């Protein structure tokens, strides 16, 4: 790395952050009557908080999905400390950011803010080296298998089956639907999905923590026995570690229990695996501390002999999870796919059931479509 020059001619080791800008965009959902539902939540929009870090004549971008307050958090807590910092070692700055937000609030909004900035720093470093991010990370893979995810509980049956069958038609062999808002409706929904996609594709389900323990065990057995469901995500709240362990131990052997999307700190992941509460661990690059956070979780999953699955944000996760040795797959989530295609050039589309980072584009390979994004802005100002 020593002696490598940037576009402006300065050595990479001399590059320091000279500016940070923060933006947020709120994109309405395209669900029935403008709303979407899962087992425990009802929403009408998805907000992306976008961070750009500048140094050496280049800009790196990162983002998270959350409330607009995450943008304010980056502006007030993280942007000032980044000014003048060396961009060559994102993990060092990740550690400093973690210390900075200790009293401001590390889990939740704080972790999401750090995640967005950390991704931007990795993207910036890669662009300064004129390399795709996958070549800067310690990659084990050159592509990531995906599963189609959506199937919201308020979708009518025709839209539900059309969406999931559409993914299967694109050679995506695993599809997920939301369940458990009204459990009595799930048999009809699952029967329709199985008929629409055929016997071979795998059906995943996600209760989003809607069920009580014994109720979840009942549905776990029915899901598996009647519709050959292979994945039950957050059957109970992810905070109910004892309940997750009960389901993992007493549920059908071929039905995997999954959780981890709401793990913000390394200790959150430790709590899920010691003793094991899941069959497959999940991590969200936009919540768990960004790419540096994913690398830490990847080490934990490998030492505990557990696969790691990427939760959402496919435009980021496709690069980050190539560096996960025990990689399982990536959630190709309907809402995030819509938002990323709307706001960026350079997003990836599934090919043969996988996302493969473009080796010909530096960094994440993403460029903001500012004109398209502007109507959805709720924070910040469009760059000149």
Protein backbone atom coordinates (compact mmCIF):
# COMPACT_ATOMS: atom_id res chain seq x y z
CA UNK A 1 0.00 0.00 0.00
CA UNK A 2 2.95 2.30 0.65
CA UNK A 3 3.56 4.66 -2.23
CA UNK A 4 0.18 4.03 -3.86
CA UNK A 5 -1.11 7.33 -5.23
CA UNK A 6 -4.59 8.73 -5.46
CA UNK A 7 -6.17 10.46 -8.42
CA UNK A 8 -4.73 13.73 -7.12
CA UNK A 9 -1.22 12.33 -6.90
CA UNK A 10 -0.89 12.15 -3.09
CA UNK A 11 0.21 8.91 -1.44
CA UNK A 12 -2.64 6.99 0.15
CA UNK A 13 -0.88 7.16 3.49
CA UNK A 14 -1.16 10.96 3.30
CA UNK A 15 -4.93 11.01 2.71
CA UNK A 16 -7.01 12.46 5.50
CA UNK A 17 -10.72 13.16 5.74
CA UNK A 18 -11.48 16.69 4.58
CA UNK A 19 -15.30 16.60 4.55
CA UNK A 20 -18.33 14.54 5.53
CA UNK A 21 -21.85 15.09 4.27
CA UNK A 22 -25.03 13.38 5.40
CA UNK A 23 -28.36 12.89 3.63
CA UNK A 24 -31.62 11.04 4.24
CA UNK A 25 -34.27 9.96 1.73
CA UNK A 26 -37.73 8.64 2.59
CA UNK A 27 -39.24 6.44 -0.12
CA UNK A 28 -42.91 5.40 0.09
CA UNK A 29 -43.66 1.69 -0.06
CA UNK A 30 -45.54 0.14 -2.97
CA UNK A 31 -47.73 -2.14 -0.84
CA UNK A 32 -51.54 -2.21 -0.83
CA UNK A 33 -52.88 1.26 -0.01
CA UNK A 34 -49.25 2.38 0.32
CA UNK A 35 -48.55 0.16 3.34
CA UNK A 36 -46.67 -3.03 4.17
CA UNK A 37 -46.99 -5.32 7.18
CA UNK A 38 -45.17 -8.13 8.89
CA UNK A 39 -45.93 -10.01 12.09
CA UNK A 40 -45.38 -7.03 14.40
CA UNK A 41 -45.01 -3.85 12.33
CA UNK A 42 -46.93 -1.74 9.82
CA UNK A 43 -45.10 0.91 7.74
CA UNK A 44 -45.61 3.19 4.76
CA UNK A 45 -42.03 4.21 3.84
CA UNK A 46 -38.39 3.22 4.02
CA UNK A 47 -35.75 5.78 4.99
CA UNK A 48 -32.15 5.53 3.84
CA UNK A 49 -29.51 7.59 5.67
CA UNK A 50 -26.60 8.18 3.30
CA UNK A 51 -23.12 9.27 4.41
CA UNK A 52 -20.30 10.43 2.16
CA UNK A 53 -16.70 10.79 3.36
CA UNK A 54 -14.22 12.75 1.24
CA UNK A 55 -10.42 12.59 1.04
CA UNK A 56 -7.73 12.78 -1.63
CA UNK A 57 -10.12 13.98 -4.28
CA UNK A 58 -12.37 10.94 -3.91
CA UNK A 59 -15.63 10.23 -2.06
CA UNK A 60 -16.81 7.06 -0.38
CA UNK A 61 -20.42 6.33 0.44
CA UNK A 62 -22.20 4.24 3.02
CA UNK A 63 -25.74 4.03 4.28
CA UNK A 64 -28.15 2.50 6.73
CA UNK A 65 -31.90 2.10 6.92
CA UNK A 66 -33.53 3.77 9.91
CA UNK A 67 -35.11 6.91 11.23
CA UNK A 68 -33.88 10.30 10.03
CA UNK A 69 -32.48 10.78 13.55
CA UNK A 70 -29.57 8.57 12.48
CA UNK A 71 -28.53 11.37 10.09
CA UNK A 72 -28.51 13.89 12.95
CA UNK A 73 -26.46 11.45 15.03
CA UNK A 74 -23.80 11.19 12.33
CA UNK A 75 -23.70 14.95 11.94
CA UNK A 76 -23.41 15.73 15.64
CA UNK A 77 -21.31 12.84 16.97
CA UNK A 78 -19.24 11.31 14.19
CA UNK A 79 -18.59 13.85 11.43
CA UNK A 80 -16.60 16.25 13.67
CA UNK A 81 -14.26 13.54 14.94
CA UNK A 82 -13.57 12.28 11.40
CA UNK A 83 -12.15 15.58 10.18
CA UNK A 84 -8.44 15.21 9.46
CA UNK A 85 -8.34 11.49 10.25
CA UNK A 86 -6.24 8.98 8.29
CA UNK A 87 -8.42 7.00 5.87
CA UNK A 88 -6.10 4.01 5.45
CA UNK A 89 -7.39 1.98 8.41
CA UNK A 90 -11.21 1.92 8.71
CA UNK A 91 -11.13 -0.53 11.67
CA UNK A 92 -9.07 1.94 13.71
CA UNK A 93 -11.66 4.65 13.10
CA UNK A 94 -14.44 2.14 13.81
CA UNK A 95 -12.92 1.56 17.25
CA UNK A 96 -12.65 5.30 17.89
CA UNK A 97 -16.25 5.87 16.80
CA UNK A 98 -17.40 3.17 19.21
CA UNK A 99 -15.68 4.98 22.05
CA UNK A 100 -17.06 8.32 20.91
CA UNK A 101 -20.69 7.23 21.12
CA UNK A 102 -20.44 5.37 24.43
CA UNK A 103 -22.51 7.90 26.35
CA UNK A 104 -24.58 9.10 23.40
CA UNK A 105 -26.01 5.60 22.92
CA UNK A 106 -24.14 2.76 21.28
CA UNK A 107 -26.84 0.19 20.38
CA UNK A 108 -29.61 1.14 17.98
CA UNK A 109 -29.22 4.55 16.37
CA UNK A 110 -25.57 4.85 17.41
CA UNK A 111 -24.60 1.50 15.89
CA UNK A 112 -26.48 2.33 12.70
CA UNK A 113 -24.66 5.66 12.41
CA UNK A 114 -21.29 3.96 12.87
CA UNK A 115 -22.29 1.33 10.31
CA UNK A 116 -23.01 3.90 7.60
CA UNK A 117 -19.75 5.76 8.25
CA UNK A 118 -17.68 2.58 8.39
CA UNK A 119 -19.02 1.44 5.01
CA UNK A 120 -18.23 4.87 3.57
CA UNK A 121 -14.65 4.64 4.86
CA UNK A 122 -14.11 1.22 3.27
CA UNK A 123 -15.64 2.46 0.02
CA UNK A 124 -13.39 5.53 0.11
CA UNK A 125 -10.25 3.49 0.74
CA UNK A 126 -11.12 1.19 -2.16
CA UNK A 127 -11.75 4.12 -4.50
CA UNK A 128 -8.45 5.72 -3.51
CA UNK A 129 -6.75 2.44 -4.42
CA UNK A 130 -8.87 2.24 -7.59
CA UNK A 131 -9.96 -1.27 -6.63
CA UNK A 132 -13.37 -2.87 -6.12
CA UNK A 133 -14.13 -3.29 -2.43
CA UNK A 134 -14.17 -7.06 -2.76
CA UNK A 135 -10.45 -6.89 -3.68
CA UNK A 136 -9.61 -4.79 -0.62
CA UNK A 137 -11.46 -7.08 1.79
CA UNK A 138 -10.15 -10.54 2.80
CA UNK A 139 -12.56 -12.25 0.40
CA UNK A 140 -13.35 -15.96 0.46
CA UNK A 141 -15.97 -15.76 -2.31
CA UNK A 142 -16.61 -13.84 -5.51
CA UNK A 143 -20.41 -13.95 -5.27
CA UNK A 144 -23.18 -14.37 -2.71
CA UNK A 145 -26.25 -16.65 -3.05
CA UNK A 146 -29.53 -14.82 -2.47
CA UNK A 147 -33.06 -15.58 -1.37
CA UNK A 148 -36.06 -13.52 -2.43
CA UNK A 149 -37.72 -11.77 0.49
CA UNK A 150 -40.98 -9.89 0.78
CA UNK A 151 -44.33 -11.63 0.94
CA UNK A 152 -45.81 -9.09 3.35
CA UNK A 153 -48.77 -10.13 5.46
CA UNK A 154 -51.10 -7.57 3.87
CA UNK A 155 -50.42 -8.73 0.31
CA UNK A 156 -53.46 -10.33 -1.34
CA UNK A 157 -52.82 -13.91 -2.42
CA UNK A 158 -52.32 -13.05 -6.08
CA UNK A 159 -49.60 -10.50 -5.33
CA UNK A 160 -47.97 -12.80 -2.79
CA UNK A 161 -47.72 -15.72 -5.19
CA UNK A 162 -46.73 -13.55 -8.16
CA UNK A 163 -43.84 -12.03 -6.22
CA UNK A 164 -42.42 -15.28 -4.88
CA UNK A 165 -42.94 -17.19 -8.13
CA UNK A 166 -41.24 -14.31 -9.93
CA UNK A 167 -38.08 -14.84 -7.91
CA UNK A 168 -38.14 -18.55 -8.64
CA UNK A 169 -38.43 -17.73 -12.34
CA UNK A 170 -35.19 -15.73 -11.95
CA UNK A 171 -33.38 -18.88 -10.72
CA UNK A 172 -33.63 -17.83 -7.06
CA UNK A 173 -34.31 -21.15 -5.37
CA UNK A 174 -35.27 -19.82 -1.91
CA UNK A 175 -38.12 -17.41 -1.16
CA UNK A 176 -39.41 -15.92 2.08
CA UNK A 177 -42.76 -14.61 3.21
CA UNK A 178 -43.79 -12.79 6.37
CA UNK A 179 -46.08 -14.73 8.70
CA UNK A 180 -47.81 -14.75 12.08
CA UNK A 181 -49.67 -11.42 12.12
CA UNK A 182 -52.88 -13.46 11.81
CA UNK A 183 -51.66 -17.04 12.21
CA UNK A 184 -54.98 -18.51 11.16
CA UNK A 185 -54.45 -17.05 7.65
CA UNK A 186 -50.99 -18.58 7.19
CA UNK A 187 -52.12 -22.04 6.05
CA UNK A 188 -53.97 -20.54 3.09
CA UNK A 189 -51.02 -18.30 2.26
CA UNK A 190 -48.45 -21.08 2.48
CA UNK A 191 -50.60 -23.45 0.44
CA UNK A 192 -50.93 -20.83 -2.30
CA UNK A 193 -47.17 -20.17 -2.29
CA UNK A 194 -46.25 -23.86 -2.44
CA UNK A 195 -48.64 -24.39 -5.35
CA UNK A 196 -47.26 -21.34 -7.19
CA UNK A 197 -43.55 -22.17 -6.85
CA UNK A 198 -43.65 -25.97 -7.01
CA UNK A 199 -42.08 -28.60 -4.80
CA UNK A 200 -38.38 -27.91 -5.31
CA UNK A 201 -37.76 -24.29 -4.16
CA UNK A 202 -37.28 -23.77 -0.45
CA UNK A 203 -39.84 -21.76 1.51
CA UNK A 204 -38.55 -19.50 4.29
CA UNK A 205 -40.79 -17.80 6.85
CA UNK A 206 -40.28 -14.79 9.11
CA UNK A 207 -42.53 -14.15 12.12
CA UNK A 208 -40.69 -10.98 13.21
CA UNK A 209 -41.07 -12.01 16.83
CA UNK A 210 -44.86 -12.20 16.74
CA UNK A 211 -45.38 -15.53 18.51
CA UNK A 212 -45.24 -16.80 22.08
CA UNK A 213 -42.94 -19.76 22.74
CA UNK A 214 -45.42 -22.67 22.71
CA UNK A 215 -47.39 -21.07 19.87
CA UNK A 216 -44.17 -20.78 17.87
CA UNK A 217 -43.34 -24.44 18.49
CA UNK A 218 -46.79 -25.45 17.25
CA UNK A 219 -46.42 -23.44 14.05
CA UNK A 220 -42.83 -24.56 13.52
CA UNK A 221 -44.00 -28.15 13.37
CA UNK A 222 -46.95 -27.36 11.09
CA UNK A 223 -44.86 -25.18 8.76
CA UNK A 224 -42.35 -27.97 8.30
CA UNK A 225 -44.71 -30.94 8.12
CA UNK A 226 -47.35 -29.43 5.84
CA UNK A 227 -45.39 -27.06 3.56
CA UNK A 228 -41.77 -28.23 3.95
CA UNK A 229 -40.68 -24.88 5.36
CA UNK A 230 -36.91 -24.94 6.03
CA UNK A 231 -36.31 -21.58 7.79
CA UNK A 232 -38.19 -19.86 10.60
CA UNK A 233 -36.80 -16.44 11.40
CA UNK A 234 -37.48 -14.75 14.74
CA UNK A 235 -40.38 -17.01 15.71
CA UNK A 236 -40.24 -15.24 19.07
CA UNK A 237 -38.60 -11.94 19.89
CA UNK A 238 -34.85 -11.99 19.27
CA UNK A 239 -34.52 -10.72 22.84
CA UNK A 240 -36.07 -13.99 24.06
CA UNK A 241 -32.88 -16.05 23.95
CA UNK A 242 -34.37 -18.82 26.08
CA UNK A 243 -37.34 -19.09 23.72
CA UNK A 244 -35.09 -19.25 20.65
CA UNK A 245 -33.03 -22.00 22.28
CA UNK A 246 -36.18 -23.97 23.13
CA UNK A 247 -37.34 -23.79 19.50
CA UNK A 248 -33.91 -24.67 18.16
CA UNK A 249 -33.72 -27.72 20.43
CA UNK A 250 -37.34 -28.93 20.20
CA UNK A 251 -38.39 -27.91 16.70
CA UNK A 252 -38.18 -30.07 13.55
CA UNK A 253 -34.61 -31.10 12.75
CA UNK A 254 -34.72 -29.73 9.19
CA UNK A 255 -36.34 -26.41 10.13
CA UNK A 256 -33.65 -23.87 10.97
CA UNK A 257 -34.18 -21.16 13.56
CA UNK A 258 -32.55 -17.85 12.57
CA UNK A 259 -32.01 -14.47 14.23
CA UNK A 260 -29.43 -11.70 14.47
CA UNK A 261 -30.73 -8.83 12.35
CA UNK A 262 -31.22 -6.74 15.50
CA UNK A 263 -27.80 -7.49 16.94
CA UNK A 264 -25.92 -4.18 17.17
CA UNK A 265 -22.81 -4.98 19.18
CA UNK A 266 -20.38 -7.94 19.23
CA UNK A 267 -21.82 -9.02 22.58
CA UNK A 268 -25.29 -9.24 21.04
CA UNK A 269 -23.95 -11.91 18.68
CA UNK A 270 -22.12 -13.71 21.46
CA UNK A 271 -25.42 -13.92 23.35
CA UNK A 272 -27.00 -15.67 20.34
CA UNK A 273 -24.31 -18.33 20.05
CA UNK A 274 -23.19 -19.04 23.64
CA UNK A 275 -25.02 -21.33 24.13
CA UNK A 276 -26.46 -21.50 20.61
CA UNK A 277 -29.92 -20.01 20.20
CA UNK A 278 -29.95 -20.24 16.38
CA UNK A 279 -29.09 -22.73 13.65
CA UNK A 280 -28.00 -19.95 11.30
CA UNK A 281 -26.82 -16.55 12.50
CA UNK A 282 -27.85 -13.34 10.74
CA UNK A 283 -26.06 -9.99 10.59
CA UNK A 284 -27.05 -6.67 9.05
CA UNK A 285 -24.12 -4.65 7.70
CA UNK A 286 -26.13 -1.45 8.21
CA UNK A 287 -26.70 -2.16 11.92
CA UNK A 288 -23.86 -4.27 13.30
CA UNK A 289 -21.04 -1.76 12.80
CA UNK A 290 -20.66 -1.80 9.04
CA UNK A 291 -18.10 -3.87 7.19
CA UNK A 292 -15.71 -3.89 10.15
CA UNK A 293 -18.55 -5.21 12.30
CA UNK A 294 -19.35 -7.94 9.75
CA UNK A 295 -15.71 -9.06 9.78
CA UNK A 296 -15.84 -9.44 13.56
CA UNK A 297 -19.10 -11.40 13.45
CA UNK A 298 -17.69 -13.59 10.65
CA UNK A 299 -14.88 -14.68 12.94
CA UNK A 300 -17.36 -15.53 15.69
CA UNK A 301 -19.57 -17.56 13.36
CA UNK A 302 -16.59 -19.52 12.04
CA UNK A 303 -15.29 -20.41 15.49
CA UNK A 304 -18.79 -21.53 16.55
CA UNK A 305 -19.29 -23.57 13.33
CA UNK A 306 -22.37 -21.55 12.40
CA UNK A 307 -23.19 -20.18 8.97
CA UNK A 308 -23.80 -16.44 8.67
CA UNK A 309 -26.59 -14.98 6.54
CA UNK A 310 -26.69 -11.37 5.34
CA UNK A 311 -29.77 -9.40 6.35
CA UNK A 312 -30.93 -7.05 3.56
CA UNK A 313 -29.08 -4.04 2.03
CA UNK A 314 -28.00 -6.13 -0.98
CA UNK A 315 -25.91 -3.40 -2.65
CA UNK A 316 -23.62 -3.34 0.42
CA UNK A 317 -23.94 -6.93 1.57
CA UNK A 318 -22.84 -8.42 -1.74
CA UNK A 319 -19.32 -7.05 -1.16
CA UNK A 320 -19.15 -7.35 2.62
CA UNK A 321 -20.29 -10.97 2.85
CA UNK A 322 -17.83 -12.20 0.25
CA UNK A 323 -15.42 -11.83 3.19
CA UNK A 324 -17.44 -14.25 5.37
CA UNK A 325 -15.97 -17.76 5.37
CA UNK A 326 -19.13 -19.45 6.71
CA UNK A 327 -21.37 -17.61 4.25
CA UNK A 328 -24.89 -18.96 3.79
CA UNK A 329 -26.83 -16.43 1.71
CA UNK A 330 -28.11 -12.84 1.40
CA UNK A 331 -31.63 -11.52 1.84
CA UNK A 332 -32.70 -9.91 -1.44
CA UNK A 333 -35.35 -7.78 0.27
CA UNK A 334 -38.05 -6.16 -1.85
CA UNK A 335 -38.05 -2.75 -0.11
CA UNK A 336 -34.28 -2.32 -0.16
CA UNK A 337 -33.97 -3.47 -3.76
CA UNK A 338 -36.50 -0.79 -4.76
CA UNK A 339 -34.74 1.97 -2.83
CA UNK A 340 -31.24 1.06 -3.99
CA UNK A 341 -32.25 0.87 -7.64
CA UNK A 342 -33.99 4.22 -7.30
CA UNK A 343 -31.08 6.05 -5.63
CA UNK A 344 -27.98 4.46 -7.19
CA UNK A 345 -26.38 3.56 -10.46
CA UNK A 346 -24.30 0.39 -10.27
CA UNK A 347 -26.64 -1.82 -8.24
CA UNK A 348 -26.44 -5.56 -8.81
CA UNK A 349 -29.13 -7.91 -10.12
CA UNK A 350 -29.30 -11.64 -9.42
CA UNK A 351 -27.64 -13.92 -11.95
CA UNK A 352 -28.05 -17.64 -11.43
CA UNK A 353 -29.38 -17.02 -7.94
CA UNK A 354 -26.36 -14.96 -6.83
CA UNK A 355 -25.13 -11.38 -6.63
CA UNK A 356 -21.60 -10.91 -7.92
CA UNK A 357 -19.71 -7.65 -7.21
CA UNK A 358 -18.51 -5.96 -10.38
CA UNK A 359 -14.70 -6.32 -10.56
CA UNK A 360 -14.51 -3.40 -12.99
CA UNK A 361 -15.96 -0.71 -10.67
CA UNK A 362 -13.98 0.78 -7.76
CA UNK A 363 -15.32 0.60 -4.22
CA UNK A 364 -18.91 -0.53 -3.95
CA UNK A 365 -19.45 0.43 -7.57
CA UNK A 366 -22.31 2.76 -6.63
CA UNK A 367 -22.98 6.32 -7.76
CA UNK A 368 -25.79 8.43 -6.33
CA UNK A 369 -28.49 9.50 -8.77
CA UNK A 370 -28.97 12.89 -7.14
CA UNK A 371 -31.73 14.12 -9.45
CA UNK A 372 -33.79 10.97 -8.85
CA UNK A 373 -33.14 11.07 -5.12
CA UNK A 374 -34.02 14.72 -4.55
CA UNK A 375 -37.84 14.36 -4.40
CA UNK A 376 -37.41 11.99 -1.44
CA UNK A 377 -34.97 14.08 0.59
CA UNK A 378 -35.78 14.62 4.28
CA UNK A 379 -32.31 15.64 5.52
CA UNK A 380 -29.27 17.46 4.15
CA UNK A 381 -28.76 19.38 0.93
CA UNK A 382 -27.96 18.26 -2.59
CA UNK A 383 -24.23 18.62 -3.33
CA UNK A 384 -23.34 21.46 -5.65
